[in-house]
Protein backbone atom coordinates (compact mmCIF):
# COMPACT_ATOMS: atom_id res chain seq x y z
CA MET A 1 -116.90 94.48 34.78
CA PRO A 2 -115.50 94.84 38.30
CA ARG A 3 -113.29 97.86 39.13
CA PHE A 4 -110.47 97.98 41.61
CA LEU A 5 -108.58 100.67 43.56
CA CYS A 6 -104.78 100.86 43.59
CA LEU A 7 -103.69 101.50 47.20
CA THR A 8 -100.47 103.13 46.05
CA CYS A 9 -101.53 105.68 43.39
CA ARG A 10 -105.25 105.75 44.44
CA ARG A 11 -106.38 105.29 40.83
CA THR A 12 -109.08 102.89 39.81
CA PHE A 13 -108.86 100.28 37.06
CA SER A 14 -110.78 97.28 35.81
CA ARG A 15 -109.95 93.90 34.30
CA GLN A 16 -110.43 95.40 30.87
CA THR A 17 -107.54 97.85 31.56
CA PHE A 18 -105.10 95.03 30.91
CA SER A 19 -106.93 93.53 27.90
CA THR A 20 -105.88 94.08 24.28
CA SER A 21 -109.56 94.80 23.52
CA TYR A 22 -109.50 97.83 25.93
CA TYR A 23 -112.03 100.51 24.91
CA LEU A 24 -113.28 98.54 21.84
CA LYS A 25 -116.92 98.36 20.89
CA ARG A 26 -116.34 95.11 18.97
CA PRO A 27 -113.54 93.25 20.78
CA GLU A 28 -114.36 89.99 18.98
CA LEU A 29 -112.82 91.41 15.78
CA LEU A 30 -109.16 91.44 16.82
CA ALA A 31 -108.27 87.79 16.41
CA PRO A 32 -110.20 87.22 13.15
CA LEU A 33 -108.75 90.43 11.72
CA ALA A 34 -105.20 89.38 12.55
CA ALA A 35 -105.75 86.00 10.91
CA ALA A 36 -107.34 87.60 7.82
CA LEU A 37 -104.51 90.06 7.40
CA GLN A 38 -102.01 87.17 7.37
CA ALA A 39 -104.22 85.23 4.92
CA GLY A 40 -103.70 87.90 2.28
CA GLY A 41 -106.93 89.82 2.70
CA ALA A 42 -107.21 93.52 1.96
CA LEU A 43 -108.92 95.95 4.36
CA ARG A 44 -112.19 96.27 2.40
CA GLN A 45 -112.41 92.56 1.75
CA ILE A 46 -111.92 91.84 5.50
CA ALA A 47 -114.52 94.48 6.33
CA ARG A 48 -117.09 92.78 4.11
CA THR A 49 -116.34 89.42 5.68
CA LEU A 50 -116.50 90.70 9.26
CA ALA A 51 -119.51 92.96 8.61
CA CYS A 52 -117.87 96.17 9.76
CA ALA A 53 -116.70 99.41 8.19
CA HIS A 54 -113.33 99.42 6.35
CA SER A 55 -112.20 102.29 8.64
CA THR A 56 -112.74 99.94 11.56
CA THR A 57 -110.41 97.37 10.03
CA ALA A 58 -107.81 100.12 9.37
CA ARG A 59 -107.90 101.28 13.03
CA LEU A 60 -107.73 97.76 14.38
CA ALA A 61 -104.94 96.83 12.05
CA ALA A 62 -102.94 99.78 13.45
CA ARG A 63 -103.67 98.61 17.01
CA LEU A 64 -102.58 95.12 16.17
CA GLY A 65 -99.37 96.49 14.64
CA ARG A 66 -98.58 98.49 17.75
CA HIS A 67 -99.22 95.46 19.91
CA ALA A 68 -96.90 93.42 17.70
CA MET A 69 -94.14 96.01 18.06
CA LEU A 70 -94.40 95.85 21.83
CA LEU A 71 -94.50 92.07 21.90
CA HIS A 72 -91.41 91.86 19.66
CA ALA A 73 -89.58 94.35 21.94
CA ARG A 74 -90.36 92.19 24.94
CA ALA A 75 -89.09 89.09 23.05
CA MET A 76 -85.84 90.83 22.21
CA SER A 77 -85.28 91.84 25.86
CA PHE A 78 -85.54 88.11 26.80
CA LEU A 79 -82.95 87.21 24.13
CA ALA A 80 -80.34 89.70 25.37
CA GLY A 81 -76.98 88.04 25.84
CA ARG A 82 -78.21 84.66 24.55
CA HIS A 83 -77.77 84.99 20.80
CA ALA A 84 -75.47 82.56 19.09
CA GLU A 85 -76.52 81.98 15.46
CA PRO A 86 -75.56 83.97 12.31
CA VAL A 87 -78.05 86.60 11.18
CA VAL A 88 -78.97 87.01 7.49
CA LEU A 89 -79.43 90.66 6.65
CA ASP A 90 -81.25 91.87 3.56
CA HIS A 91 -83.65 94.65 2.62
CA PHE A 92 -87.14 93.87 1.43
CA GLU A 93 -88.08 96.33 -1.37
CA THR A 94 -91.55 97.94 -1.41
CA PHE A 95 -93.06 101.42 -1.76
CA GLU A 96 -95.47 103.83 -0.08
CA PHE A 97 -98.27 105.56 -1.93
CA SER A 98 -96.70 105.08 -5.40
CA GLN A 99 -93.57 103.61 -6.97
CA ASP A 100 -92.10 107.14 -6.89
CA LEU A 101 -91.60 106.66 -3.14
CA PRO A 102 -89.74 103.39 -2.73
CA PHE A 103 -88.11 102.17 0.47
CA GLY A 104 -86.47 99.03 1.72
CA VAL A 105 -87.12 97.26 5.00
CA ALA A 106 -84.19 95.60 6.78
CA THR A 107 -85.19 92.07 7.81
CA PRO A 108 -82.54 90.43 10.00
CA VAL A 109 -83.39 86.77 10.19
CA GLY A 110 -81.69 83.95 12.07
CA SER A 111 -79.99 81.59 9.59
CA LEU A 112 -80.73 78.52 11.71
CA SER A 113 -83.97 79.37 13.58
CA TRP A 114 -85.51 81.67 10.90
CA PHE A 115 -86.49 84.00 13.78
CA VAL A 116 -87.18 87.57 12.59
CA TYR A 117 -85.12 89.80 14.84
CA GLY A 118 -86.37 93.20 13.70
CA LEU A 119 -87.63 95.53 11.04
CA ASP A 120 -86.16 98.90 10.00
CA PRO A 121 -87.21 101.07 7.03
CA ALA A 122 -84.73 102.63 4.64
CA PRO A 123 -86.41 105.25 2.31
CA HIS A 124 -84.40 105.89 -0.86
CA ALA A 125 -84.75 107.59 -4.24
CA ARG A 126 -86.38 105.88 -7.20
CA ALA A 127 -83.91 103.98 -9.31
CA GLY A 128 -83.93 102.74 -12.89
CA ARG A 129 -84.71 104.53 -16.11
CA LEU A 130 -87.00 107.51 -15.83
CA THR A 131 -88.88 109.38 -18.52
CA GLU A 132 -88.80 113.15 -18.54
CA ALA A 133 -92.38 113.24 -17.26
CA GLN A 134 -91.45 111.01 -14.35
CA ARG A 135 -88.47 113.19 -13.50
CA GLU A 136 -90.66 116.29 -13.55
CA ARG A 137 -93.23 114.58 -11.29
CA LEU A 138 -90.51 113.59 -8.83
CA ARG A 139 -89.20 117.20 -8.76
CA ARG A 140 -92.61 118.49 -7.84
CA ARG A 141 -93.21 116.02 -5.02
CA PRO A 142 -92.10 116.90 -1.43
CA ARG A 143 -88.91 115.26 -0.28
CA ARG A 144 -88.99 112.50 2.30
CA THR A 145 -86.72 112.28 5.29
CA ALA A 146 -84.47 109.36 4.55
CA PHE A 147 -83.02 108.93 8.11
CA GLY A 148 -79.76 107.74 6.60
CA GLY A 149 -81.19 105.49 3.85
CA TYR A 150 -79.59 102.00 3.65
CA ARG A 151 -76.60 102.96 5.76
CA GLY A 152 -78.73 104.44 8.50
CA SER A 153 -80.99 101.40 8.50
CA THR A 154 -77.96 99.06 8.69
CA ARG A 155 -76.54 101.03 11.63
CA ARG A 156 -79.81 100.76 13.48
CA VAL A 157 -79.98 97.01 12.87
CA VAL A 158 -76.47 96.51 14.16
CA ARG A 159 -77.33 98.51 17.34
CA LEU A 160 -80.41 96.29 17.70
CA LEU A 161 -78.54 93.04 17.36
CA LEU A 162 -75.39 93.75 19.34
CA PRO A 163 -77.02 93.49 22.82
CA LEU A 164 -78.12 89.96 21.92
CA VAL A 165 -74.55 88.70 21.55
CA PRO A 166 -72.84 87.25 24.69
CA GLU A 167 -69.73 89.06 25.97
CA ARG A 168 -66.44 88.54 24.16
CA ARG A 169 -68.21 87.19 21.09
CA ARG A 170 -68.76 88.86 17.72
CA LEU A 171 -71.98 89.25 15.87
CA ARG A 172 -72.02 87.21 12.59
CA LEU A 173 -73.86 88.89 9.77
CA VAL A 174 -74.51 87.34 6.36
CA GLY A 175 -75.18 89.79 3.56
CA ASP A 176 -75.58 89.88 -0.20
CA GLY A 177 -72.72 92.32 -0.88
CA HIS A 178 -74.74 95.52 -0.59
CA PRO A 179 -72.34 98.50 -0.44
CA ALA A 180 -74.16 99.86 2.71
CA TYR A 181 -73.35 96.65 4.60
CA ASP A 182 -69.71 96.84 3.63
CA ASP A 183 -69.48 100.54 4.76
CA VAL A 184 -71.23 100.10 8.05
CA VAL A 185 -70.11 96.69 9.38
CA GLY A 186 -67.08 95.96 7.21
CA HIS A 187 -64.68 97.40 9.79
CA HIS A 188 -66.82 97.11 12.94
CA PRO A 189 -64.76 95.56 15.74
CA PHE A 190 -67.65 93.48 17.10
CA VAL A 191 -69.25 92.40 13.83
CA ARG A 192 -68.02 89.85 11.29
CA LEU A 193 -69.56 90.23 7.82
CA GLU A 194 -69.79 87.27 5.47
CA ARG A 195 -70.45 88.46 1.90
CA PHE A 196 -72.32 86.49 -0.78
CA PRO A 197 -72.83 88.90 -3.73
CA ASN A 198 -75.65 88.28 -6.16
CA PRO A 199 -74.06 86.60 -9.20
CA LYS A 200 -75.27 86.99 -12.77
CA ARG A 201 -77.95 84.46 -13.59
CA GLY A 202 -78.39 82.67 -16.84
CA PRO A 203 -81.64 82.28 -18.77
CA ARG A 204 -84.66 80.82 -16.99
CA GLY A 205 -84.12 77.11 -16.45
CA ALA A 206 -80.34 77.23 -16.90
CA PRO A 207 -78.23 75.40 -14.26
CA ARG A 208 -77.02 77.64 -11.42
CA SER A 209 -73.38 78.47 -11.01
CA ALA A 210 -71.41 77.51 -7.91
CA GLU A 211 -71.49 81.16 -6.74
CA ALA A 212 -75.29 81.22 -7.17
CA VAL A 213 -75.72 77.97 -5.22
CA ALA A 214 -73.53 79.32 -2.36
CA ARG A 215 -75.41 82.63 -2.33
CA ASP A 216 -78.87 80.98 -2.25
CA ARG A 217 -77.84 78.62 0.46
CA ALA A 218 -76.42 81.35 2.65
CA MET A 219 -79.35 83.80 2.10
CA PHE A 220 -82.13 81.17 2.20
CA ALA A 221 -83.68 82.39 5.51
CA SER A 222 -84.08 85.95 4.19
CA ASP A 223 -85.28 84.81 0.74
CA LEU A 224 -87.94 82.61 2.35
CA LEU A 225 -89.16 85.47 4.54
CA HIS A 226 -89.39 87.85 1.55
CA ALA A 227 -91.37 85.19 -0.41
CA LEU A 228 -93.77 84.84 2.55
CA LEU A 229 -94.22 88.64 2.65
CA ARG A 230 -95.15 88.73 -1.05
CA HIS A 231 -97.43 85.71 -0.59
CA THR A 232 -99.30 86.43 2.64
CA LEU A 233 -99.67 90.29 2.64
CA ALA A 234 -102.05 91.77 0.03
CA HIS A 235 -100.31 95.16 -0.08
CA HIS A 236 -96.86 93.72 -0.99
CA ARG A 237 -97.83 91.67 -4.08
CA ARG A 238 -96.31 92.70 -7.34
CA GLU A 239 -99.67 93.42 -9.08
CA THR A 240 -102.24 94.76 -6.61
CA ILE A 241 -104.53 97.67 -5.86
CA ALA A 242 -104.13 97.10 -2.13
CA PHE A 243 -100.69 98.77 -1.92
CA GLY A 244 -99.82 100.68 1.25
CA ARG A 245 -100.36 104.39 1.41
CA ARG A 246 -98.24 105.26 4.47
CA LEU A 247 -94.97 103.96 5.67
CA ASN A 248 -96.17 103.78 9.24
CA ALA A 249 -99.09 101.52 8.33
CA LEU A 250 -96.84 99.26 6.22
CA ILE A 251 -94.41 98.77 9.16
CA GLU A 252 -97.32 98.08 11.52
CA ARG A 253 -98.53 95.19 9.31
CA LEU A 254 -95.00 93.95 8.83
CA ALA A 255 -94.55 93.85 12.57
CA LEU A 256 -97.76 91.78 12.86
CA MET A 257 -96.43 89.47 10.19
CA ALA A 258 -93.10 89.08 12.04
CA VAL A 259 -94.96 88.04 15.22
CA TRP A 260 -97.04 85.58 13.18
CA ARG A 261 -93.84 84.18 11.65
CA ASN A 262 -92.03 83.91 14.96
CA PHE A 263 -94.77 82.57 17.27
CA VAL A 264 -97.77 81.31 15.27
CA LYS A 265 -96.58 79.82 12.01
CA ARG A 266 -94.66 76.57 12.05
CA ARG A 267 -91.09 76.76 10.91
CA SER A 268 -91.82 74.47 7.97
CA GLU A 269 -95.15 73.51 6.42
CA ARG A 270 -93.84 70.35 4.79
CA ARG A 271 -92.52 68.81 8.01
CA PRO A 272 -95.07 67.73 10.56
CA VAL A 273 -92.97 68.76 13.55
CA PRO A 274 -94.84 71.59 15.39
CA VAL A 275 -91.87 73.91 15.94
CA THR A 276 -91.88 77.71 15.50
CA PRO A 277 -88.85 80.04 15.25
CA ALA A 278 -89.65 81.31 18.77
CA MET A 279 -89.41 77.74 20.08
CA GLN A 280 -86.06 77.35 18.27
CA VAL A 281 -84.57 80.32 20.13
CA GLY A 282 -86.08 79.32 23.48
CA LEU A 283 -88.84 82.02 23.75
CA ALA A 284 -91.83 79.66 23.64
CA ALA A 285 -92.63 76.09 24.65
CA GLU A 286 -95.47 75.51 22.19
CA VAL A 287 -97.03 76.86 19.08
CA TRP A 288 -99.10 80.05 19.80
CA ASP A 289 -102.46 80.95 18.37
CA TRP A 290 -103.85 84.47 17.91
CA GLN A 291 -105.69 84.27 21.25
CA ARG A 292 -102.33 83.66 22.98
CA VAL A 293 -100.66 86.52 21.06
CA LEU A 294 -103.50 88.88 22.13
CA SER A 295 -103.95 87.50 25.60
CA ARG A 296 -102.34 90.44 27.46
CA ARG A 297 -102.16 94.18 26.86
CA LEU A 298 -98.67 95.60 26.63
CA PHE A 299 -97.69 99.16 27.51
CA PRO A 300 -95.11 101.23 25.63
CA GLY A 301 -93.68 102.65 28.84
CA ARG A 302 -92.76 99.18 30.07
CA GLU A 303 -91.06 97.94 26.88
CA SER A 304 -87.71 99.05 25.52
CA LEU A 305 -88.54 100.24 22.01
CA SER A 306 -85.68 101.52 19.90
CA ARG A 307 -85.72 105.14 18.84
CA ALA A 308 -86.83 104.30 15.31
CA MET A 309 -89.46 101.84 16.44
CA ALA A 310 -90.82 104.33 18.98
CA ARG A 311 -91.10 106.88 16.16
CA LEU A 312 -93.03 104.37 14.05
CA TYR A 313 -95.17 103.40 17.05
CA ARG A 314 -96.26 107.04 17.50
CA ARG A 315 -96.71 107.36 13.67
CA ASP A 316 -94.22 110.18 13.59
CA TRP A 317 -92.41 108.77 10.49
CA THR A 318 -94.72 110.66 8.14
CA THR A 319 -95.41 110.45 4.42
CA PRO A 320 -95.00 114.06 3.25
CA ILE A 321 -97.14 113.66 0.12
CA TYR A 322 -100.19 113.67 2.43
CA PRO A 323 -101.00 117.15 3.87
CA ARG A 324 -102.24 115.58 7.08
CA ASN A 325 -100.67 112.49 8.73
CA THR A 326 -102.66 111.03 11.64
CA ARG A 327 -100.40 110.38 14.60
CA HIS A 328 -100.92 108.09 17.58
CA GLN A 329 -101.38 110.59 20.44
CA LEU A 330 -104.00 108.86 22.56
CA LYS A 331 -103.13 108.97 26.24
CA HIS A 332 -105.04 105.92 27.53
CA ALA A 333 -104.64 103.68 24.48
CA TYR A 334 -101.57 101.69 23.45
């Protein structure tokens, strides 16, 4: 592996310095691991298939997630000032460690291109009926930092999307009538909110009402993405033992899934046209594969990560139920 000398800073580097497999003993695992994660495999299952330790798959999954965050930040910088389609905003419901610690993930999706524009977590308290034993267990557990809950998450999403809108135009958001959306963007001067509340549904198999048809048609892009999340990620299925333990790790894998959805997966499986959401918005000229996604190493100092995403990148958004939360503090690793 040849090394080179920078004539400006007088530091040496090699070709591997700019590779996504930098400092890896088994660099051949990155692309198969990314594909296996999106195929619904759990970490131990993937480790058995790739003949490696499950701790190796966990560390590589975190590296892939950080790479996906940086790639998404670069894509958003290219889209600045060029956005024109309505954005469907909804929160994907999941949990960390146990169902006592639920949180939603804001998933703004283009209503026409189906491009995933971002991810933002919204921790909140457990809802629904609780037994006295469950209430007592919740009282004993340490409190999480909510960072504003749904309203804080919605504010961050609006700040993320506003730079994409050309001057003298307003951002069009489509929501399902969540109170947080009304409070945050209902009176925003540069945002227009279109509300489609969730209507009451009849028994299974009953015909849908006109309100239900309008809501499903307007929120289709978000509903489709949430269905893909449940289907393709092992830790987000309804009945699973592969649930996520830490919010940071969950967002890392969701970021990888967003990159797969935007650049790798075709927009539709039933139509033979090879078009991805990234091609729809003008970010790519062809369908990418995992080798293309992982072809170049990205550096956090060169990408404009939002404050929340930078916190998640460094793994500073901790899960307080664990006494020790491993953070990403390596100086020469991304």
